[in-house]
C-alpha cells in the first residue's frame, strides 16, 4: 500500500506563487462559499459544491502539491516552529502609538496590505501566539495567513476539506470546528474536526490509533476518553474566539474539589495534582468575574486542567467494567516478574535489607510505568532529608 494512502490530494499548479502580481493575488484569494449564510444555523450542515464547478479556478496556484492528513491537538507543531525575527531600529510618530488602526499611521499609511483575508478574524492566545478563525466556515489555523503563499495553501486545504464532505455526503454536527495545520517539512496540512457539543475530535475517514500517536485503548469508551482529552487540548490551544461554558467550569470545580479531598485524606490518590495544587486552582477559578477581557485566560485554564484530568481518567481506566485503578500503587497491566540477581541479594543482606525497602518504594512510585508528581516529589524530599542527616552524623 502506498506510503500516503491515507492522505487526501489537493489540486495544485506548478506556477510560482511568488511571481504573481499583487493585484492578481487580491482578486484570486477569495474564499469559495461552501453554503449560503443563514441567520439560524441548521441542525447539520450538508456541504455541496454542485453550484461551484469552477472551484479549481478559485484555488490560488501553488508550487507544490499539498495533502490533507489526520492529526490531533497533542501533535501540534506550535512549540516547534523555528521562525526567527531580527529586531531593528524604527522611527515612529505620535499617531503610530495613539491610533487604533496601524494602517492609518503616518509611517505606514503608504504601505498597502498584500491582500485581504476576507471573512477571517485574528485572535491572540494568552501565551502570545496569533491564530485565525473563519466564523462562517468555522475553520481555525495558527498558520500566518498574512503571507500570500501560506494563505493560498490554507485556502486550498480548506476547499478540499469541504469538497470531501460534499463528495461523501458527510453532515457535520452543528457545533463543529475544523483545524488546519501546515507542515513545511513535507508539504502536508494536518486536520481534525471538533464537535463542541460532544466534546470530542473526529475525522472524515477511518482512523488508526498508532497512526495518530494515541496509546492503545482498553475499549471504545476508553478511546472516547482519549479523544475527549484531545478536545480539551484543542480548547487550550484556541481559547480566544469562544468561551468555555459555565457547565464545563462547574464540572472542573467538582473534579478539583474531589481531587483536593481525595489527596488530602489518602496517600494513594490517583489525581494528577497534589491537594495543595487543586486548592490553588479552585481559588483561581473563583477569582474570574466574567469580564470579557478575562475569557480567553479562563477558557485556556479550563482547557488545560480538563485535559490533564481526562487523560488521568484514561490512564486509570475510568468507568471500565473491570480493571479501573483506584489507588496509585495498584497495577492493572500485565507486569513481568523481576529477575533476581545473586549480587543484589548478597548486597541487600549485608546492608540489612535496606536496598529491598528502597526498591519496593520505587516500584510503588512507578506502577505500570506511571509516576505521580506529588508522590515523586515527596519521595525526593524524604531522600534529601535523609542524606542531610547522614552527612550531619558523619
Protein backbone atom coordinates (compact mmCIF):
# COMPACT_ATOMS: atom_id res chain seq x y z
CA UNK A 1 0.00 0.00 0.00
CA UNK A 2 1.39 3.46 -0.86
CA UNK A 3 3.00 5.38 1.95
CA UNK A 4 0.44 8.21 1.74
CA UNK A 5 -2.64 6.03 1.19
CA UNK A 6 -4.47 7.96 3.94
CA UNK A 7 -3.65 11.39 2.51
CA UNK A 8 -6.15 13.41 0.54
CA UNK A 9 -4.74 15.07 -2.56
CA UNK A 10 -5.28 18.78 -3.13
CA UNK A 11 -5.24 20.05 -6.68
CA UNK A 12 -2.32 22.40 -7.29
CA UNK A 13 -0.44 24.01 -10.14
CA UNK A 14 3.33 24.32 -10.64
CA UNK A 15 3.11 28.05 -11.27
CA UNK A 16 5.29 30.09 -8.96
CA UNK A 17 3.12 31.98 -6.49
CA UNK A 18 5.88 34.42 -5.70
CA UNK A 19 5.82 35.73 -9.29
CA UNK A 20 2.12 36.57 -9.20
CA UNK A 21 1.14 40.23 -9.29
CA UNK A 22 -0.32 41.63 -6.06
CA UNK A 23 -3.50 42.59 -7.91
CA UNK A 24 -3.94 39.03 -9.14
CA UNK A 25 -3.49 37.75 -5.58
CA UNK A 26 -6.07 40.19 -4.26
CA UNK A 27 -8.59 39.03 -6.84
CA UNK A 28 -7.82 35.31 -6.63
CA UNK A 29 -7.66 34.81 -2.88
CA UNK A 30 -11.44 34.88 -2.45
CA UNK A 31 -12.87 32.15 -0.28
CA UNK A 32 -15.33 29.90 -2.10
CA UNK A 33 -18.72 29.85 -0.37
CA UNK A 34 -19.41 26.32 0.81
CA UNK A 35 -23.01 27.08 1.85
CA UNK A 36 -25.24 30.16 1.93
CA UNK A 37 -25.25 32.32 5.02
CA UNK A 38 -28.32 31.83 7.21
CA UNK A 39 -29.48 33.68 10.29
CA UNK A 40 -30.41 30.44 12.08
CA UNK A 41 -27.88 27.57 11.83
CA UNK A 42 -29.39 24.22 10.81
CA UNK A 43 -29.05 21.05 12.88
CA UNK A 44 -26.39 19.74 10.50
CA UNK A 45 -24.52 21.17 7.54
CA UNK A 46 -24.83 19.27 4.26
CA UNK A 47 -21.93 20.50 2.15
CA UNK A 48 -22.49 20.70 -1.60
CA UNK A 49 -20.31 22.08 -4.38
CA UNK A 50 -22.66 21.36 -7.28
CA UNK A 51 -23.01 25.09 -7.93
CA UNK A 52 -19.23 25.64 -7.90
CA UNK A 53 -17.98 23.86 -10.99
CA UNK A 54 -15.19 26.43 -11.35
CA UNK A 55 -13.79 25.82 -7.87
CA UNK A 56 -10.39 24.85 -9.33
CA UNK A 57 -10.07 28.33 -10.74
CA UNK A 58 -10.74 29.73 -7.27
CA UNK A 59 -7.71 27.96 -5.77
CA UNK A 60 -4.56 30.09 -5.99
CA UNK A 61 -1.66 28.45 -7.87
CA UNK A 62 0.91 26.63 -5.73
CA UNK A 63 4.43 25.42 -6.41
CA UNK A 64 3.95 22.14 -4.56
CA UNK A 65 1.16 19.65 -4.17
CA UNK A 66 -0.46 19.67 -0.73
CA UNK A 67 -2.00 16.73 1.12
CA UNK A 68 -4.51 16.62 3.92
CA UNK A 69 -3.70 14.20 6.72
CA UNK A 70 -5.18 13.36 10.09
CA UNK A 71 -3.63 14.86 13.20
CA UNK A 72 -4.58 15.53 16.83
CA UNK A 73 -4.08 18.58 19.06
CA UNK A 74 -1.33 16.95 21.15
CA UNK A 75 0.77 16.58 17.95
CA UNK A 76 0.58 20.31 17.27
CA UNK A 77 3.75 21.91 15.89
CA UNK A 78 3.08 25.20 17.70
CA UNK A 79 6.00 24.73 20.12
CA UNK A 80 8.44 23.53 17.45
CA UNK A 81 8.32 26.39 14.97
CA UNK A 82 11.72 27.85 14.10
CA UNK A 83 10.70 31.28 12.88
CA UNK A 84 13.21 33.99 13.71
CA UNK A 85 12.78 37.74 13.98
CA UNK A 86 15.59 40.30 13.73
CA UNK A 87 14.71 43.49 15.68
CA UNK A 88 15.80 46.74 14.06
CA UNK A 89 15.62 50.50 14.78
CA UNK A 90 12.27 52.09 13.92
CA UNK A 91 11.20 55.71 13.59
CA UNK A 92 7.66 56.26 14.88
CA UNK A 93 5.25 59.15 15.30
CA UNK A 94 2.65 60.09 17.94
CA UNK A 95 -0.27 58.69 15.93
CA UNK A 96 1.72 55.47 15.45
CA UNK A 97 1.15 54.81 19.13
CA UNK A 98 -2.22 56.50 19.65
CA UNK A 99 -4.08 55.25 16.58
CA UNK A 100 -6.21 52.10 16.98
CA UNK A 101 -5.62 51.21 13.31
CA UNK A 102 -1.94 50.67 12.48
CA UNK A 103 -2.67 51.04 8.75
CA UNK A 104 -3.58 54.71 9.28
CA UNK A 105 -0.27 55.64 10.94
CA UNK A 106 1.78 58.31 9.21
CA UNK A 107 4.71 55.93 8.95
CA UNK A 108 2.78 53.07 7.36
CA UNK A 109 -0.03 54.89 5.56
CA UNK A 110 1.57 54.29 2.15
CA UNK A 111 2.25 50.61 2.74
CA UNK A 112 -0.80 48.65 1.48
CA UNK A 113 -1.80 45.25 2.78
CA UNK A 114 -0.65 42.47 0.38
CA UNK A 115 -4.23 41.13 0.25
CA UNK A 116 -7.38 40.96 2.34
CA UNK A 117 -8.20 37.76 4.22
CA UNK A 118 -11.90 38.01 3.57
CA UNK A 119 -14.01 36.52 6.33
CA UNK A 120 -11.10 35.75 8.70
CA UNK A 121 -10.66 37.14 12.21
CA UNK A 122 -7.40 37.31 14.13
CA UNK A 123 -7.09 36.30 17.79
CA UNK A 124 -4.19 36.12 20.22
CA UNK A 125 -3.64 33.18 22.56
CA UNK A 126 -2.83 34.09 26.20
CA UNK A 127 0.69 32.75 25.55
CA UNK A 128 1.08 35.23 22.69
CA UNK A 129 0.55 33.14 19.53
CA UNK A 130 -1.74 34.60 16.87
CA UNK A 131 -4.34 32.38 15.28
CA UNK A 132 -7.08 32.94 12.73
CA UNK A 133 -10.73 31.91 12.65
CA UNK A 134 -13.26 31.96 9.81
CA UNK A 135 -16.66 32.23 11.58
CA UNK A 136 -18.79 31.24 8.57
CA UNK A 137 -16.86 28.08 7.73
CA UNK A 138 -15.65 27.57 11.31
CA UNK A 139 -12.05 26.94 10.27
CA UNK A 140 -9.13 27.59 12.63
CA UNK A 141 -5.42 27.81 11.90
CA UNK A 142 -2.34 29.24 13.56
CA UNK A 143 -0.57 29.48 10.19
CA UNK A 144 0.45 33.03 9.30
CA UNK A 145 -2.10 33.72 6.56
CA UNK A 146 -0.71 37.25 6.20
CA UNK A 147 1.85 35.57 3.91
CA UNK A 148 0.21 35.03 0.47
CA UNK A 149 1.74 31.60 -0.14
CA UNK A 150 0.68 30.31 3.29
CA UNK A 151 -2.82 31.71 2.82
CA UNK A 152 -3.03 30.01 -0.57
CA UNK A 153 -2.14 26.65 1.00
CA UNK A 154 -4.71 27.08 3.77
CA UNK A 155 -7.29 28.17 1.19
CA UNK A 156 -6.66 25.10 -0.97
CA UNK A 157 -6.70 22.74 2.02
CA UNK A 158 -9.97 24.23 3.26
CA UNK A 159 -11.64 23.88 -0.14
CA UNK A 160 -10.50 20.28 -0.37
CA UNK A 161 -11.86 19.51 3.09
CA UNK A 162 -15.35 20.76 2.26
CA UNK A 163 -15.24 19.14 -1.17
CA UNK A 164 -14.54 15.83 0.58
CA UNK A 165 -17.53 16.42 2.86
CA UNK A 166 -19.70 17.03 -0.19
CA UNK A 167 -18.42 14.03 -2.16
CA UNK A 168 -19.00 11.69 0.78
CA UNK A 169 -22.31 13.33 1.81
CA UNK A 170 -20.93 13.95 5.29
CA UNK A 171 -23.15 16.03 7.57
CA UNK A 172 -21.06 17.98 10.05
CA UNK A 173 -22.50 18.48 13.55
CA UNK A 174 -23.92 21.94 14.30
CA UNK A 175 -21.13 22.83 16.75
CA UNK A 176 -18.23 21.70 14.58
CA UNK A 177 -14.87 23.42 14.07
CA UNK A 178 -12.12 22.44 11.65
CA UNK A 179 -8.45 22.96 12.49
CA UNK A 180 -5.82 23.14 9.72
CA UNK A 181 -2.09 23.00 10.48
CA UNK A 182 0.54 23.30 7.76
CA UNK A 183 3.74 21.26 7.88
CA UNK A 184 6.52 22.83 5.79
CA UNK A 185 8.68 19.73 6.01
CA UNK A 186 6.57 17.56 3.69
CA UNK A 187 4.00 19.98 2.22
CA UNK A 188 1.11 18.44 4.12
CA UNK A 189 -1.75 20.01 6.01
CA UNK A 190 -2.91 18.26 9.15
CA UNK A 191 -6.57 18.49 10.07
CA UNK A 192 -9.03 17.40 12.70
CA UNK A 193 -12.71 18.19 13.31
CA UNK A 194 -14.09 19.25 16.69
CA UNK A 195 -17.61 18.63 18.00
CA UNK A 196 -18.05 21.17 20.78
CA UNK A 197 -21.35 19.71 21.96
CA UNK A 198 -19.98 16.17 22.32
CA UNK A 199 -16.56 17.42 23.45
CA UNK A 200 -14.56 15.23 21.08
CA UNK A 201 -12.44 15.30 17.93
CA UNK A 202 -13.02 13.15 14.85
CA UNK A 203 -12.03 12.72 11.19
CA UNK A 204 -13.70 12.24 7.82
CA UNK A 205 -12.27 8.78 7.19
CA UNK A 206 -11.36 5.70 9.25
CA UNK A 207 -8.55 6.24 11.74
CA UNK A 208 -5.95 4.00 13.38
CA UNK A 209 -4.69 4.93 16.86
CA UNK A 210 -0.95 4.22 16.18
CA UNK A 211 -1.06 6.50 13.11
CA UNK A 212 -2.38 9.30 15.33
CA UNK A 213 0.17 8.71 18.09
CA UNK A 214 -2.54 7.60 20.51
CA UNK A 215 -1.85 4.86 23.09
CA UNK A 216 -3.67 1.56 22.72
CA UNK A 217 -7.12 1.90 24.33
CA UNK A 218 -8.72 -0.75 26.52
CA UNK A 219 -12.17 -0.26 24.95
CA UNK A 220 -14.25 2.11 22.84
CA UNK A 221 -15.19 4.05 25.98
CA UNK A 222 -11.51 4.30 26.87
CA UNK A 223 -10.79 5.63 23.37
CA UNK A 224 -13.56 8.20 23.79
CA UNK A 225 -11.80 9.46 26.91
CA UNK A 226 -8.60 9.90 24.91
CA UNK A 227 -10.44 11.90 22.25
CA UNK A 228 -12.21 13.95 24.92
CA UNK A 229 -8.81 14.82 26.35
CA UNK A 230 -7.71 15.87 22.85
CA UNK A 231 -10.79 18.08 22.65
CA UNK A 232 -9.77 19.94 25.80
CA UNK A 233 -6.24 20.27 24.45
CA UNK A 234 -7.85 21.95 21.44
CA UNK A 235 -9.75 24.31 23.75
CA UNK A 236 -6.47 25.18 25.47
CA UNK A 237 -4.79 25.96 22.14
CA UNK A 238 -7.70 28.01 20.67
CA UNK A 239 -9.38 29.77 23.63
CA UNK A 240 -9.86 33.33 22.40
CA UNK A 241 -12.68 33.08 19.83
CA UNK A 242 -15.18 31.31 22.09
CA UNK A 243 -15.69 30.91 25.83
CA UNK A 244 -15.82 27.72 27.85
CA UNK A 245 -19.35 27.07 29.08
CA UNK A 246 -20.38 27.50 32.69
CA UNK A 247 -21.30 23.82 32.71
CA UNK A 248 -17.68 22.92 31.90
CA UNK A 249 -16.43 25.21 34.65
CA UNK A 250 -18.78 23.63 37.20
CA UNK A 251 -17.61 20.16 36.14
CA UNK A 252 -13.99 21.18 36.58
CA UNK A 253 -14.72 22.66 40.01
CA UNK A 254 -16.32 19.36 41.07
CA UNK A 255 -13.32 17.37 39.77
CA UNK A 256 -10.84 19.64 41.55
CA UNK A 257 -12.82 19.56 44.79
CA UNK A 258 -12.86 15.76 44.81
CA UNK A 259 -9.16 15.57 43.94
CA UNK A 260 -8.38 18.03 46.75
CA UNK A 261 -10.23 15.98 49.37
CA UNK A 262 -9.04 12.63 47.99
CA UNK A 263 -5.40 13.71 48.02
CA UNK A 264 -5.66 15.32 51.44
CA UNK A 265 -7.13 12.19 53.03
CA UNK A 266 -5.18 9.49 51.21
CA UNK A 267 -1.61 8.98 50.03
CA UNK A 268 -2.87 6.70 47.26
CA UNK A 269 -4.89 9.29 45.30
CA UNK A 270 -4.83 8.93 41.50
CA UNK A 271 -5.18 12.68 41.00
CA UNK A 272 -2.56 14.16 38.63
CA UNK A 273 -2.14 17.12 41.03
CA UNK A 274 -1.43 17.48 44.73
CA UNK A 275 -4.14 18.67 47.17
CA UNK A 276 -2.34 22.00 47.53
CA UNK A 277 -2.31 22.50 43.75
CA UNK A 278 -6.00 21.60 43.43
CA UNK A 279 -6.86 24.09 46.17
CA UNK A 280 -4.90 26.77 44.35
CA UNK A 281 -6.67 26.00 41.05
CA UNK A 282 -10.05 26.34 42.75
CA UNK A 283 -9.09 29.74 44.14
CA UNK A 284 -8.03 30.90 40.68
CA UNK A 285 -11.31 29.82 39.09
CA UNK A 286 -13.28 31.66 41.79
CA UNK A 287 -11.40 34.89 41.02
CA UNK A 288 -12.78 35.16 37.48
CA UNK A 289 -15.57 37.73 37.38
CA UNK A 290 -16.97 37.04 33.91
CA UNK A 291 -15.49 40.14 32.26
CA UNK A 292 -14.81 39.75 28.54
CA UNK A 293 -11.09 40.53 28.84
CA UNK A 294 -10.72 37.52 31.16
CA UNK A 295 -12.49 34.95 29.00
CA UNK A 296 -9.53 33.82 26.87
CA UNK A 297 -7.45 33.18 30.01
CA UNK A 298 -10.34 31.45 31.78
CA UNK A 299 -11.06 29.22 28.78
CA UNK A 300 -7.37 28.33 28.35
CA UNK A 301 -7.08 27.39 32.03
CA UNK A 302 -10.21 25.25 31.92
CA UNK A 303 -8.98 23.53 28.75
CA UNK A 304 -5.56 22.67 30.20
CA UNK A 305 -6.86 21.36 33.52
CA UNK A 306 -9.69 19.37 31.94
CA UNK A 307 -7.21 17.80 29.53
CA UNK A 308 -4.95 16.68 32.39
CA UNK A 309 -7.78 15.18 34.45
CA UNK A 310 -9.41 13.49 31.45
CA UNK A 311 -6.06 11.95 30.47
CA UNK A 312 -5.70 10.70 34.06
CA UNK A 313 -9.11 9.07 33.72
CA UNK A 314 -7.98 7.35 30.53
CA UNK A 315 -4.79 6.05 32.17
CA UNK A 316 -6.70 4.76 35.19
CA UNK A 317 -9.43 3.10 33.04
CA UNK A 318 -12.14 5.32 34.49
CA UNK A 319 -15.62 3.81 34.01
CA UNK A 320 -14.42 0.44 32.71
CA UNK A 321 -16.31 -2.73 33.59
CA UNK A 322 -13.16 -4.15 35.15
CA UNK A 323 -9.64 -3.03 35.86
CA UNK A 324 -10.23 0.57 36.97
CA UNK A 325 -7.25 1.80 39.00
CA UNK A 326 -8.46 3.12 42.37
CA UNK A 327 -5.07 3.65 44.04
CA UNK A 328 -1.80 4.92 42.61
CA UNK A 329 0.07 1.78 43.72
CA UNK A 330 -2.44 -0.56 42.04
CA UNK A 331 -1.21 -2.34 38.91
CA UNK A 332 -3.82 -3.06 36.24
CA UNK A 333 -1.47 -4.06 33.39
CA UNK A 334 0.45 -7.32 32.92
CA UNK A 335 3.82 -6.97 34.64
CA UNK A 336 6.71 -9.40 34.10
CA UNK A 337 8.34 -10.92 37.15
CA UNK A 338 11.64 -9.15 38.03
CA UNK A 339 14.77 -11.21 37.54
CA UNK A 340 16.72 -12.00 40.68
CA UNK A 341 20.44 -11.24 40.90
CA UNK A 342 22.76 -13.04 43.31
CA UNK A 343 24.99 -9.98 43.73
CA UNK A 344 21.95 -7.88 44.66
CA UNK A 345 20.77 -10.48 47.18
CA UNK A 346 24.17 -10.60 48.87
CA UNK A 347 24.44 -6.80 48.97
CA UNK A 348 20.95 -6.48 50.37
CA UNK A 349 21.72 -8.88 53.20
CA UNK A 350 24.94 -7.02 54.04
CA UNK A 351 23.03 -3.71 54.13
CA UNK A 352 20.28 -5.12 56.36
CA UNK A 353 17.71 -5.33 53.53
CA UNK A 354 17.70 -1.56 53.02
CA UNK A 355 18.07 -1.88 49.21
CA UNK A 356 14.95 -4.05 49.12
CA UNK A 357 12.94 -1.46 51.03
CA UNK A 358 14.10 1.30 48.71
CA UNK A 359 13.32 -0.84 45.66
CA UNK A 360 9.81 -1.53 46.96
CA UNK A 361 9.25 2.20 47.38
CA UNK A 362 10.47 2.89 43.83
CA UNK A 363 8.29 0.12 42.41
CA UNK A 364 5.25 1.64 44.12
CA UNK A 365 6.13 5.04 42.64
CA UNK A 366 6.45 3.57 39.11
CA UNK A 367 3.42 1.25 38.90
CA UNK A 368 2.58 0.45 35.27
CA UNK A 369 5.28 2.98 34.31
CA UNK A 370 3.25 5.85 35.75
CA UNK A 371 4.78 8.41 38.12
CA UNK A 372 2.52 10.74 40.12
CA UNK A 373 4.11 14.13 40.60
CA UNK A 374 3.02 14.65 44.23
CA UNK A 375 4.22 11.19 45.35
CA UNK A 376 7.52 11.51 43.50
CA UNK A 377 8.27 14.94 44.95
CA UNK A 378 7.50 13.67 48.44
CA UNK A 379 9.92 10.77 47.88
CA UNK A 380 12.66 13.16 46.73
CA UNK A 381 12.11 15.45 49.74
CA UNK A 382 12.40 12.49 52.11
CA UNK A 383 15.60 11.25 50.45
CA UNK A 384 17.17 14.71 50.60
CA UNK A 385 16.38 15.00 54.32
CA UNK A 386 17.78 11.52 54.89
CA UNK A 387 21.02 12.37 53.08
CA UNK A 388 21.35 15.61 55.06
CA UNK A 389 21.03 13.69 58.31
CA UNK A 390 23.67 11.17 57.20
CA UNK A 391 26.06 13.98 56.29
CA UNK A 392 25.43 15.68 59.63
CA UNK A 393 26.21 12.48 61.51
CA UNK A 394 29.39 11.92 59.54
